[in-house]
Amino acid sequence: MRISATVNNDRTRHQVVVRTDDRSQELDIAARPSGGSAVNGGEFLMLALATCYCNDLYREAARPVSVHAGIATPHRCTPAGRVGANCVERRSTVRT
């Protein structure tokens, strides 16, 4: 399995394309007026973790479920501006 992400950015657009093997899809991510993405890398990291968690639940459930999941780094867990994996909290609700 080959997974990639491509970003093309200038002051007027932020184009994101993700790909797994031969399947690609464009993601609608707003550009920041000063250039770059309106979403920061840490937010994307939390989104990646939450998405993996939800996909795992759906795969393991092997039946239709409704998942609401949140992944966050709590403010109290940032000593000297450093965040480690032990600072990631997960909260979820699964409904069948």
PDB file of N, CA and C in Angstrom:
ATOM      1  N   MET A   1       0.844  -1.168   0.000  1.00  0.00           N
ATOM      2  CA  MET A   1       0.000   0.000   0.000  1.00  0.00           C
ATOM      3  C   MET A   1       0.897   1.241   0.000  1.00  0.00           C
ATOM      4  N   ARG A   2       0.625   2.124  -0.939  1.00  0.00           N
ATOM      5  CA  ARG A   2       1.385   3.373  -1.040  1.00  0.00           C
ATOM      6  C   ARG A   2       0.451   4.537  -0.708  1.00  0.00           C
ATOM      7  N   ILE A   3       0.814   5.332   0.300  1.00  0.00           N
ATOM      8  CA  ILE A   3      -0.005   6.450   0.757  1.00  0.00           C
ATOM      9  C   ILE A   3       0.799   7.736   0.605  1.00  0.00           C
ATOM     10  N   SER A   4       0.136   8.783   0.071  1.00  0.00           N
ATOM     11  CA  SER A   4       0.825  10.067  -0.082  1.00  0.00           C
ATOM     12  C   SER A   4      -0.154  11.217   0.073  1.00  0.00           C
ATOM     13  N   ALA A   5       0.387  12.387   0.294  1.00  0.00           N
ATOM     14  CA  ALA A   5      -0.388  13.624   0.344  1.00  0.00           C
ATOM     15  C   ALA A   5       0.415  14.694  -0.376  1.00  0.00           C
ATOM     16  N   THR A   6      -0.286  15.524  -1.154  1.00  0.00           N
ATOM     17  CA  THR A   6       0.354  16.586  -1.914  1.00  0.00           C
ATOM     18  C   THR A   6      -0.345  17.905  -1.615  1.00  0.00           C
ATOM     19  N   VAL A   7       0.433  18.950  -1.410  1.00  0.00           N
ATOM     20  CA  VAL A   7      -0.111  20.285  -1.158  1.00  0.00           C
ATOM     21  C   VAL A   7       0.443  21.232  -2.208  1.00  0.00           C
ATOM     22  N   ASN A   8      -0.445  21.965  -2.867  1.00  0.00           N
ATOM     23  CA  ASN A   8      -0.070  23.062  -3.756  1.00  0.00           C
ATOM     24  C   ASN A   8      -0.674  24.320  -3.154  1.00  0.00           C
ATOM     25  N   ASN A   9       0.174  25.278  -2.799  1.00  0.00           N
ATOM     26  CA  ASN A   9      -0.303  26.433  -2.065  1.00  0.00           C
ATOM     27  C   ASN A   9       0.282  27.717  -2.597  1.00  0.00           C
ATOM     28  N   ASP A  10      -0.565  28.740  -2.661  1.00  0.00           N
ATOM     29  CA  ASP A  10      -0.110  30.107  -2.851  1.00  0.00           C
ATOM     30  C   ASP A  10      -1.059  30.995  -2.049  1.00  0.00           C
ATOM     31  N   ARG A  11      -0.967  32.281  -2.193  1.00  0.00           N
ATOM     32  CA  ARG A  11      -1.784  33.179  -1.362  1.00  0.00           C
ATOM     33  C   ARG A  11      -3.275  33.084  -1.656  1.00  0.00           C
ATOM     34  N   THR A  12      -3.687  32.485  -2.752  1.00  0.00           N
ATOM     35  CA  THR A  12      -5.109  32.441  -3.098  1.00  0.00           C
ATOM     36  C   THR A  12      -5.728  31.052  -2.991  1.00  0.00           C
ATOM     37  N   ARG A  13      -4.913  30.018  -2.809  1.00  0.00           N
ATOM     38  CA  ARG A  13      -5.493  28.670  -2.752  1.00  0.00           C
ATOM     39  C   ARG A  13      -4.606  27.741  -1.937  1.00  0.00           C
ATOM     40  N   HIS A  14      -5.244  26.705  -1.441  1.00  0.00           N
ATOM     41  CA  HIS A  14      -4.545  25.654  -0.697  1.00  0.00           C
ATOM     42  C   HIS A  14      -5.142  24.331  -1.186  1.00  0.00           C
ATOM     43  N   GLN A  15      -4.515  23.724  -2.161  1.00  0.00           N
ATOM     44  CA  GLN A  15      -5.028  22.502  -2.777  1.00  0.00           C
ATOM     45  C   GLN A  15      -4.356  21.291  -2.133  1.00  0.00           C
ATOM     46  N   VAL A  16      -5.176  20.376  -1.620  1.00  0.00           N
ATOM     47  CA  VAL A  16      -4.672  19.189  -0.949  1.00  0.00           C
ATOM     48  C   VAL A  16      -5.229  17.955  -1.645  1.00  0.00           C
ATOM     49  N   VAL A  17      -4.347  17.036  -2.000  1.00  0.00           N
ATOM     50  CA  VAL A  17      -4.756  15.766  -2.605  1.00  0.00           C
ATOM     51  C   VAL A  17      -4.102  14.639  -1.817  1.00  0.00           C
ATOM     52  N   VAL A  18      -4.917  13.683  -1.386  1.00  0.00           N
ATOM     53  CA  VAL A  18      -4.403  12.502  -0.708  1.00  0.00           C
ATOM     54  C   VAL A  18      -4.605  11.307  -1.622  1.00  0.00           C
ATOM     55  N   ARG A  19      -3.710  10.326  -1.491  1.00  0.00           N
ATOM     56  CA  ARG A  19      -3.759   9.180  -2.392  1.00  0.00           C
ATOM     57  C   ARG A  19      -3.368   7.916  -1.633  1.00  0.00           C
ATOM     58  N   THR A  20      -4.113   6.849  -1.901  1.00  0.00           N
ATOM     59  CA  THR A  20      -3.739   5.510  -1.462  1.00  0.00           C
ATOM     60  C   THR A  20      -3.761   4.626  -2.700  1.00  0.00           C
ATOM     61  N   ASP A  21      -2.600   4.115  -3.047  1.00  0.00           N
ATOM     62  CA  ASP A  21      -2.437   3.334  -4.279  1.00  0.00           C
ATOM     63  C   ASP A  21      -2.975   4.139  -5.460  1.00  0.00           C
ATOM     64  N   ASP A  22      -3.976   3.626  -6.183  1.00  0.00           N
ATOM     65  CA  ASP A  22      -4.488   4.321  -7.374  1.00  0.00           C
ATOM     66  C   ASP A  22      -5.702   5.200  -7.090  1.00  0.00           C
ATOM     67  N   ARG A  23      -6.109   5.298  -5.837  1.00  0.00           N
ATOM     68  CA  ARG A  23      -7.293   6.084  -5.477  1.00  0.00           C
ATOM     69  C   ARG A  23      -6.857   7.411  -4.872  1.00  0.00           C
ATOM     70  N   SER A  24      -7.271   8.522  -5.502  1.00  0.00           N
ATOM     71  CA  SER A  24      -6.927   9.834  -4.961  1.00  0.00           C
ATOM     72  C   SER A  24      -8.196  10.645  -4.740  1.00  0.00           C
ATOM     73  N   GLN A  25      -8.106  11.584  -3.812  1.00  0.00           N
ATOM     74  CA  GLN A  25      -9.225  12.484  -3.568  1.00  0.00           C
ATOM     75  C   GLN A  25      -8.698  13.824  -3.092  1.00  0.00           C
ATOM     76  N   GLU A  26      -9.397  14.869  -3.509  1.00  0.00           N
ATOM     77  CA  GLU A  26      -9.018  16.224  -3.121  1.00  0.00           C
ATOM     78  C   GLU A  26      -9.786  16.605  -1.854  1.00  0.00           C
ATOM     79  N   LEU A  27      -9.102  17.238  -0.924  1.00  0.00           N
ATOM     80  CA  LEU A  27      -9.721  17.705   0.307  1.00  0.00           C
ATOM     81  C   LEU A  27      -9.893  19.218   0.234  1.00  0.00           C
ATOM     82  N   ASP A  28     -11.028  19.696   0.688  1.00  0.00           N
ATOM     83  CA  ASP A  28     -11.312  21.124   0.675  1.00  0.00           C
ATOM     84  C   ASP A  28     -10.807  21.746   1.981  1.00  0.00           C
ATOM     85  N   ILE A  29      -9.624  22.325   1.935  1.00  0.00           N
ATOM     86  CA  ILE A  29      -9.002  22.965   3.095  1.00  0.00           C
ATOM     87  C   ILE A  29      -8.797  24.443   2.761  1.00  0.00           C
ATOM     88  N   ALA A  30      -9.337  25.313   3.577  1.00  0.00           N
ATOM     89  CA  ALA A  30      -9.227  26.749   3.313  1.00  0.00           C
ATOM     90  C   ALA A  30      -7.780  27.223   3.420  1.00  0.00           C
ATOM     91  N   ALA A  31      -7.461  28.217   2.600  1.00  0.00           N
ATOM     92  CA  ALA A  31      -6.145  28.863   2.673  1.00  0.00           C
ATOM     93  C   ALA A  31      -6.194  29.971   3.717  1.00  0.00           C
ATOM     94  N   ARG A  32      -5.080  30.215   4.359  1.00  0.00           N
ATOM     95  CA  ARG A  32      -4.948  31.343   5.277  1.00  0.00           C
ATOM     96  C   ARG A  32      -4.667  32.585   4.425  1.00  0.00           C
ATOM     97  N   PRO A  33      -5.265  33.730   4.717  1.00  0.00           N
ATOM     98  CA  PRO A  33      -5.064  34.926   3.893  1.00  0.00           C
ATOM     99  C   PRO A  33      -3.595  35.308   3.705  1.00  0.00           C
ATOM    100  N   SER A  34      -2.752  35.020   4.692  1.00  0.00           N
ATOM    101  CA  SER A  34      -1.334  35.371   4.583  1.00  0.00           C
ATOM    102  C   SER A  34      -0.514  34.293   3.887  1.00  0.00           C
ATOM    103  N   GLY A  35      -1.176  33.211   3.434  1.00  0.00           N
ATOM    104  CA  GLY A  35      -0.491  32.091   2.797  1.00  0.00           C
ATOM    105  C   GLY A  35      -0.454  30.898   3.725  1.00  0.00           C
ATOM    106  N   GLY A  36      -0.419  29.722   3.178  1.00  0.00           N
ATOM    107  CA  GLY A  36      -0.437  28.510   3.986  1.00  0.00           C
ATOM    108  C   GLY A  36      -1.855  28.011   4.201  1.00  0.00           C
ATOM    109  N   SER A  37      -1.999  27.104   5.115  1.00  0.00           N
ATOM    110  CA  SER A  37      -3.278  26.469   5.399  1.00  0.00           C
ATOM    111  C   SER A  37      -3.960  27.125   6.585  1.00  0.00           C
ATOM    112  N   ALA A  38      -5.298  27.190   6.543  1.00  0.00           N
ATOM    113  CA  ALA A  38      -6.063  27.703   7.685  1.00  0.00           C
ATOM    114  C   ALA A  38      -6.076  26.689   8.827  1.00  0.00           C
ATOM    115  N   VAL A  39      -5.689  25.460   8.542  1.00  0.00           N
ATOM    116  CA  VAL A  39      -5.618  24.401   9.540  1.00  0.00           C
ATOM    117  C   VAL A  39      -4.145  24.110   9.805  1.00  0.00           C
ATOM    118  N   ASN A  40      -3.742  24.076  11.080  1.00  0.00           N
ATOM    119  CA  ASN A  40      -2.326  23.843  11.360  1.00  0.00           C
ATOM    120  C   ASN A  40      -1.993  22.347  11.433  1.00  0.00           C
ATOM    121  N   GLY A  41      -0.736  22.034  11.429  1.00  0.00           N
ATOM    122  CA  GLY A  41      -0.274  20.643  11.417  1.00  0.00           C
ATOM    123  C   GLY A  41      -0.726  19.846  12.623  1.00  0.00           C
ATOM    124  N   GLY A  42      -0.756  20.473  13.799  1.00  0.00           N
ATOM    125  CA  GLY A  42      -1.224  19.783  14.994  1.00  0.00           C
ATOM    126  C   GLY A  42      -2.685  19.385  14.876  1.00  0.00           C
ATOM    127  N   GLU A  43      -3.496  20.280  14.296  1.00  0.00           N
ATOM    128  CA  GLU A  43      -4.912  19.968  14.083  1.00  0.00           C
ATOM    129  C   GLU A  43      -5.057  18.813  13.093  1.00  0.00           C
ATOM    130  N   PHE A  44      -4.238  18.810  12.041  1.00  0.00           N
ATOM    131  CA  PHE A  44      -4.278  17.698  11.091  1.00  0.00           C
ATOM    132  C   PHE A  44      -3.848  16.389  11.751  1.00  0.00           C
ATOM    133  N   LEU A  45      -2.865  16.462  12.641  1.00  0.00           N
ATOM    134  CA  LEU A  45      -2.420  15.266  13.348  1.00  0.00           C
ATOM    135  C   LEU A  45      -3.554  14.696  14.198  1.00  0.00           C
ATOM    136  N   MET A  46      -4.251  15.559  14.936  1.00  0.00           N
ATOM    137  CA  MET A  46      -5.379  15.094  15.754  1.00  0.00           C
ATOM    138  C   MET A  46      -6.486  14.526  14.870  1.00  0.00           C
ATOM    139  N   LEU A  47      -6.721  15.153  13.707  1.00  0.00           N
ATOM    140  CA  LEU A  47      -7.712  14.635  12.755  1.00  0.00           C
ATOM    141  C   LEU A  47      -7.314  13.254  12.261  1.00  0.00           C
ATOM    142  N   ALA A  48      -6.027  13.061  11.968  1.00  0.00           N
ATOM    143  CA  ALA A  48      -5.548  11.754  11.502  1.00  0.00           C
ATOM    144  C   ALA A  48      -5.774  10.680  12.565  1.00  0.00           C
ATOM    145  N   LEU A  49      -5.467  11.003  13.824  1.00  0.00           N
ATOM    146  CA  LEU A  49      -5.673  10.040  14.906  1.00  0.00           C
ATOM    147  C   LEU A  49      -7.150   9.714  15.085  1.00  0.00           C
ATOM    148  N   ALA A  50      -8.009  10.741  15.078  1.00  0.00           N
ATOM    149  CA  ALA A  50      -9.445  10.527  15.251  1.00  0.00           C
ATOM    150  C   ALA A  50     -10.018   9.709  14.098  1.00  0.00           C
ATOM    151  N   THR A  51      -9.556   9.985  12.882  1.00  0.00           N
ATOM    152  CA  THR A  51     -10.027   9.242  11.712  1.00  0.00           C
ATOM    153  C   THR A  51      -9.611   7.783  11.788  1.00  0.00           C
ATOM    154  N   CYS A  52      -8.366   7.518  12.157  1.00  0.00           N
ATOM    155  CA  CYS A  52      -7.899   6.133  12.309  1.00  0.00           C
ATOM    156  C   CYS A  52      -8.725   5.399  13.357  1.00  0.00           C
ATOM    157  N   TYR A  53      -8.989   6.070  14.471  1.00  0.00           N
ATOM    158  CA  TYR A  53      -9.765   5.469  15.550  1.00  0.00           C
ATOM    159  C   TYR A  53     -11.168   5.104  15.060  1.00  0.00           C
ATOM    160  N   CYS A  54     -11.838   6.036  14.386  1.00  0.00           N
ATOM    161  CA  CYS A  54     -13.185   5.764  13.861  1.00  0.00           C
ATOM    162  C   CYS A  54     -13.168   4.623  12.852  1.00  0.00           C
ATOM    163  N   ASN A  55     -12.220   4.641  11.941  1.00  0.00           N
ATOM    164  CA  ASN A  55     -12.141   3.577  10.937  1.00  0.00           C
ATOM    165  C   ASN A  55     -11.916   2.220  11.596  1.00  0.00           C
ATOM    166  N   ASP A  56     -11.088   2.174  12.638  1.00  0.00           N
ATOM    167  CA  ASP A  56     -10.867   0.926  13.374  1.00  0.00           C
ATOM    168  C   ASP A  56     -12.159   0.432  14.018  1.00  0.00           C
ATOM    169  N   LEU A  57     -12.932   1.343  14.613  1.00  0.00           N
ATOM    170  CA  LEU A  57     -14.200   0.944  15.238  1.00  0.00           C
ATOM    171  C   LEU A  57     -15.166   0.366  14.211  1.00  0.00           C
ATOM    172  N   TYR A  58     -15.294   1.021  13.064  1.00  0.00           N
ATOM    173  CA  TYR A  58     -16.180   0.515  12.009  1.00  0.00           C
ATOM    174  C   TYR A  58     -15.730  -0.859  11.524  1.00  0.00           C
ATOM    175  N   ARG A  59     -14.438  -1.029  11.333  1.00  0.00           N
ATOM    176  CA  ARG A  59     -13.915  -2.317  10.857  1.00  0.00           C
ATOM    177  C   ARG A  59     -14.181  -3.416  11.877  1.00  0.00           C
ATOM    178  N   GLU A  60     -13.912  -3.137  13.158  1.00  0.00           N
ATOM    179  CA  GLU A  60     -14.091  -4.144  14.195  1.00  0.00           C
ATOM    180  C   GLU A  60     -15.558  -4.436  14.468  1.00  0.00           C
ATOM    181  N   ALA A  61     -16.423  -3.434  14.330  1.00  0.00           N
ATOM    182  CA  ALA A  61     -17.848  -3.637  14.589  1.00  0.00           C
ATOM    183  C   ALA A  61     -18.483  -4.519  13.527  1.00  0.00           C
ATOM    184  N   ALA A  62     -18.007  -4.418  12.298  1.00  0.00           N
ATOM    185  CA  ALA A  62     -18.514  -5.196  11.160  1.00  0.00           C
ATOM    186  C   ALA A  62     -20.032  -5.067  11.025  1.00  0.00           C
ATOM    187  N   ARG A  63     -20.575  -3.951  11.504  1.00  0.00           N
ATOM    188  CA  ARG A  63     -21.987  -3.644  11.326  1.00  0.00           C
ATOM    189  C   ARG A  63     -22.132  -2.132  11.428  1.00  0.00           C
ATOM    190  N   PRO A  64     -23.257  -1.584  10.946  1.00  0.00           N
ATOM    191  CA  PRO A  64     -23.425  -0.128  10.998  1.00  0.00           C
ATOM    192  C   PRO A  64     -23.432   0.401  12.436  1.00  0.00           C
ATOM    193  N   VAL A  65     -22.626   1.382  12.689  1.00  0.00           N
ATOM    194  CA  VAL A  65     -22.590   2.065  13.981  1.00  0.00           C
ATOM    195  C   VAL A  65     -22.469   3.559  13.719  1.00  0.00           C
ATOM    196  N   SER A  66     -22.731   4.349  14.727  1.00  0.00           N
ATOM    197  CA  SER A  66     -22.541   5.792  14.663  1.00  0.00           C
ATOM    198  C   SER A  66     -21.434   6.140  15.644  1.00  0.00           C
ATOM    199  N   VAL A  67     -20.420   6.852  15.167  1.00  0.00           N
ATOM    200  CA  VAL A  67     -19.257   7.157  16.009  1.00  0.00           C
ATOM    201  C   VAL A  67     -19.070   8.662  16.100  1.00  0.00           C
ATOM    202  N   HIS A  68     -18.924   9.137  17.320  1.00  0.00           N
ATOM    203  CA  HIS A  68     -18.519  10.523  17.559  1.00  0.00           C
ATOM    204  C   HIS A  68     -17.228  10.423  18.367  1.00  0.00           C
ATOM    205  N   ALA A  69     -16.123  10.862  17.777  1.00  0.00           N
ATOM    206  CA  ALA A  69     -14.831  10.722  18.454  1.00  0.00           C
ATOM    207  C   ALA A  69     -14.123  12.061  18.502  1.00  0.00           C
ATOM    208  N   GLY A  70     -13.425  12.273  19.580  1.00  0.00           N
ATOM    209  CA  GLY A  70     -12.616  13.473  19.726  1.00  0.00           C
ATOM    210  C   GLY A  70     -11.240  13.107  20.244  1.00  0.00           C
ATOM    211  N   ILE A  71     -10.219  13.720  19.687  1.00  0.00           N
ATOM    212  CA  ILE A  71      -8.842  13.521  20.118  1.00  0.00           C
ATOM    213  C   ILE A  71      -8.300  14.912  20.433  1.00  0.00           C
ATOM    214  N   ALA A  72      -7.645  15.062  21.567  1.00  0.00           N
ATOM    215  CA  ALA A  72      -7.155  16.386  21.946  1.00  0.00           C
ATOM    216  C   ALA A  72      -5.908  16.290  22.799  1.00  0.00           C
ATOM    217  N   THR A  73      -5.142  17.369  22.814  1.00  0.00           N
ATOM    218  CA  THR A  73      -4.042  17.515  23.766  1.00  0.00           C
ATOM    219  C   THR A  73      -4.512  18.547  24.778  1.00  0.00           C
ATOM    220  N   PRO A  74      -4.762  18.146  26.019  1.00  0.00           N
ATOM    221  CA  PRO A  74      -5.267  19.085  27.018  1.00  0.00           C
ATOM    222  C   PRO A  74      -4.243  20.164  27.357  1.00  0.00           C
ATOM    223  N   HIS A  75      -4.731  21.344  27.632  1.00  0.00           N
ATOM    224  CA  HIS A  75      -3.847  22.481  27.933  1.00  0.00           C
ATOM    225  C   HIS A  75      -2.936  22.201  29.133  1.00  0.00           C
ATOM    226  N   ARG A  76      -3.448  21.515  30.125  1.00  0.00           N
ATOM    227  CA  ARG A  76      -2.656  21.266  31.338  1.00  0.00           C
ATOM    228  C   ARG A  76      -1.474  20.334  31.093  1.00  0.00           C
ATOM    229  N   CYS A  77      -1.392  19.756  29.919  1.00  0.00           N
ATOM    230  CA  CYS A  77      -0.362  18.761  29.635  1.00  0.00           C
ATOM    231  C   CYS A  77       0.722  19.320  28.716  1.00  0.00           C
ATOM    232  N   THR A  78       1.035  20.599  28.847  1.00  0.00           N
ATOM    233  CA  THR A  78       2.039  21.216  27.982  1.00  0.00           C
ATOM    234  C   THR A  78       3.164  21.836  28.804  1.00  0.00           C
ATOM    235  N   PRO A  79       3.920  21.023  29.561  1.00  0.00           N
ATOM    236  CA  PRO A  79       5.023  21.579  30.335  1.00  0.00           C
ATOM    237  C   PRO A  79       6.096  22.160  29.427  1.00  0.00           C
ATOM    238  N   ALA A  80       6.450  23.402  29.674  1.00  0.00           N
ATOM    239  CA  ALA A  80       7.498  24.099  28.912  1.00  0.00           C
ATOM    240  C   ALA A  80       7.235  24.053  27.418  1.00  0.00           C
ATOM    241  N   GLY A  81       5.948  24.039  27.013  1.00  0.00           N
ATOM    242  CA  GLY A  81       5.606  24.058  25.599  1.00  0.00           C
ATOM    243  C   GLY A  81       5.807  22.737  24.884  1.00  0.00           C
ATOM    244  N   ARG A  82       6.112  21.666  25.625  1.00  0.00           N
ATOM    245  CA  ARG A  82       6.355  20.370  24.994  1.00  0.00           C
ATOM    246  C   ARG A  82       5.146  19.471  25.191  1.00  0.00           C
ATOM    247  N   VAL A  83       4.769  18.772  24.145  1.00  0.00           N
ATOM    248  CA  VAL A  83       3.646  17.842  24.206  1.00  0.00           C
ATOM    249  C   VAL A  83       4.136  16.477  23.790  1.00  0.00           C
ATOM    250  N   GLY A  84       3.838  15.480  24.579  1.00  0.00           N
ATOM    251  CA  GLY A  84       4.209  14.113  24.241  1.00  0.00           C
ATOM    252  C   GLY A  84       2.976  13.275  23.976  1.00  0.00           C
ATOM    253  N   ALA A  85       3.176  12.063  23.485  1.00  0.00           N
ATOM    254  CA  ALA A  85       2.052  11.184  23.176  1.00  0.00           C
ATOM    255  C   ALA A  85       1.227  10.873  24.414  1.00  0.00           C
ATOM    256  N   ASN A  86       1.849  10.951  25.594  1.00  0.00           N
ATOM    257  CA  ASN A  86       1.091  10.688  26.815  1.00  0.00           C
ATOM    258  C   ASN A  86       0.099  11.807  27.123  1.00  0.00           C
ATOM    259  N   CYS A  87       0.134  12.888  26.376  1.00  0.00           N
ATOM    260  CA  CYS A  87      -0.778  14.005  26.581  1.00  0.00           C
ATOM    261  C   CYS A  87      -2.001  13.960  25.675  1.00  0.00           C
ATOM    262  N   VAL A  88      -2.153  12.921  24.893  1.00  0.00           N
ATOM    263  CA  VAL A  88      -3.284  12.826  23.974  1.00  0.00           C
ATOM    264  C   VAL A  88      -4.446  12.143  24.680  1.00  0.00           C
ATOM    265  N   GLU A  89      -5.605  12.803  24.666  1.00  0.00           N
ATOM    266  CA  GLU A  89      -6.811  12.235  25.260  1.00  0.00           C
ATOM    267  C   GLU A  89      -7.770  11.813  24.161  1.00  0.00           C
ATOM    268  N   ARG A  90      -8.485  10.729  24.393  1.00  0.00           N
ATOM    269  CA  ARG A  90      -9.485  10.247  23.440  1.00  0.00           C
ATOM    270  C   ARG A  90     -10.815  10.132  24.158  1.00  0.00           C
ATOM    271  N   ARG A  91     -11.845  10.669  23.528  1.00  0.00           N
ATOM    272  CA  ARG A  91     -13.211  10.511  24.024  1.00  0.00           C
ATOM    273  C   ARG A  91     -14.068  10.063  22.860  1.00  0.00           C
ATOM    274  N   SER A  92     -14.939   9.112  23.103  1.00  0.00           N
ATOM    275  CA  SER A  92     -15.775   8.651  22.003  1.00  0.00           C
ATOM    276  C   SER A  92     -17.113   8.143  22.515  1.00  0.00           C
ATOM    277  N   THR A  93     -18.075   8.173  21.616  1.00  0.00           N
ATOM    278  CA  THR A  93     -19.394   7.612  21.837  1.00  0.00           C
ATOM    279  C   THR A  93     -19.707   6.744  20.628  1.00  0.00           C
ATOM    280  N   VAL A  94     -20.100   5.508  20.875  1.00  0.00           N
ATOM    281  CA  VAL A  94     -20.466   4.594  19.787  1.00  0.00           C
ATOM    282  C   VAL A  94     -21.906   4.179  19.999  1.00  0.00           C
ATOM    283  N   ARG A  95     -22.727   4.337  18.988  1.00  0.00           N
ATOM    284  CA  ARG A  95     -24.126   3.931  19.041  1.00  0.00           C
ATOM    285  C   ARG A  95     -24.401   2.872  17.986  1.00  0.00           C
ATOM    286  N   THR A  96     -25.108   1.822  18.372  1.00  0.00           N
ATOM    287  CA  THR A  96     -25.471   0.785  17.403  1.00  0.00           C
ATOM    288  C   THR A  96     -26.913   0.922  16.990  1.00  0.00           C
TER     289      THR A  96
END
